[in-house]
Amino acid sequence: MESIADKIKKAIILEGNKNLNNKMFSEEFNQLLAQMEKLGYSQKPKYTFPLVDTIGKTTYSVLNKHAN
């Protein structure tokens, strides 16, 4: 199965080949890339999920509390 990123890359290449000699297309495309970079969409997101063991220990502790 093809990922969304692969589909987008393929579409960009196909459209770029169609509009290879179209100066307006390349200017608009470069503006779009610059705007996406400015907004931070060109970078991979950084996630800060807790480790799997931490979640498991917390859940286990909550579910298995013993009354004293």
Protein backbone atom coordinates (compact mmCIF):
# COMPACT_ATOMS: atom_id res chain seq x y z
CA MET A 1 0.00 0.00 0.00
CA GLU A 2 1.32 3.41 -0.96
CA SER A 3 1.63 6.05 1.75
CA ILE A 4 0.13 9.51 1.46
CA ALA A 5 3.61 11.05 1.30
CA ASP A 6 4.48 8.80 -1.66
CA LYS A 7 1.26 9.76 -3.43
CA ILE A 8 1.99 13.46 -2.92
CA LYS A 9 5.55 13.06 -4.22
CA LYS A 10 4.24 11.24 -7.28
CA ALA A 11 1.62 13.94 -7.91
CA ILE A 12 4.23 16.69 -7.59
CA ILE A 13 6.50 14.96 -10.09
CA LEU A 14 3.63 14.41 -12.57
CA GLU A 15 2.42 18.01 -12.31
CA GLY A 16 5.98 19.30 -12.49
CA ASN A 17 6.56 17.35 -15.71
CA LYS A 18 3.31 18.66 -17.20
CA ASN A 19 4.23 22.26 -16.34
CA LEU A 20 7.97 22.05 -16.94
CA ASN A 21 8.06 25.13 -19.19
CA ASN A 22 5.35 27.06 -17.32
CA LYS A 23 7.17 29.83 -15.43
CA MET A 24 4.06 30.86 -13.46
CA PHE A 25 3.61 27.31 -12.13
CA SER A 26 7.19 27.11 -10.88
CA GLU A 27 6.95 30.54 -9.19
CA GLU A 28 3.70 29.60 -7.43
CA PHE A 29 5.11 26.22 -6.43
CA ASN A 30 8.25 27.81 -4.96
CA GLN A 31 6.07 30.31 -3.06
CA LEU A 32 4.00 27.43 -1.68
CA LEU A 33 7.13 25.58 -0.54
CA ALA A 34 8.49 28.75 1.10
CA GLN A 35 5.19 29.34 2.90
CA MET A 36 5.02 25.72 4.11
CA GLU A 37 8.59 25.97 5.37
CA LYS A 38 7.79 29.22 7.19
CA LEU A 39 4.78 27.57 8.88
CA GLY A 40 6.90 24.60 9.93
CA TYR A 41 5.24 21.97 7.72
CA SER A 42 8.48 20.98 6.02
CA GLN A 43 9.94 19.54 9.23
CA LYS A 44 9.18 16.18 10.76
CA PRO A 45 7.07 16.54 13.92
CA LYS A 46 8.71 15.75 17.24
CA TYR A 47 6.55 13.68 19.56
CA THR A 48 7.08 13.30 23.28
CA PHE A 49 5.08 10.23 24.19
CA PRO A 50 5.98 8.49 27.45
CA LEU A 51 7.77 5.16 27.21
CA VAL A 52 5.59 2.07 26.83
CA ASP A 53 6.77 0.66 30.16
CA THR A 54 5.73 3.84 31.97
CA ILE A 55 2.19 3.64 30.61
CA GLY A 56 1.99 -0.06 31.44
CA LYS A 57 3.22 0.40 35.00
CA THR A 58 0.79 3.25 35.64
CA THR A 59 -2.17 1.35 34.22
CA TYR A 60 -1.24 -1.81 36.11
CA SER A 61 -0.93 0.15 39.37
CA VAL A 62 -4.31 1.84 38.92
CA LEU A 63 -6.13 -1.36 37.98
CA ASN A 64 -4.57 -3.51 40.70
CA LYS A 65 -4.73 -1.28 43.77
CA HIS A 66 -5.36 -3.30 46.90
CA ALA A 67 -7.35 -1.89 49.80
CA ASN A 68 -5.40 -2.01 53.06
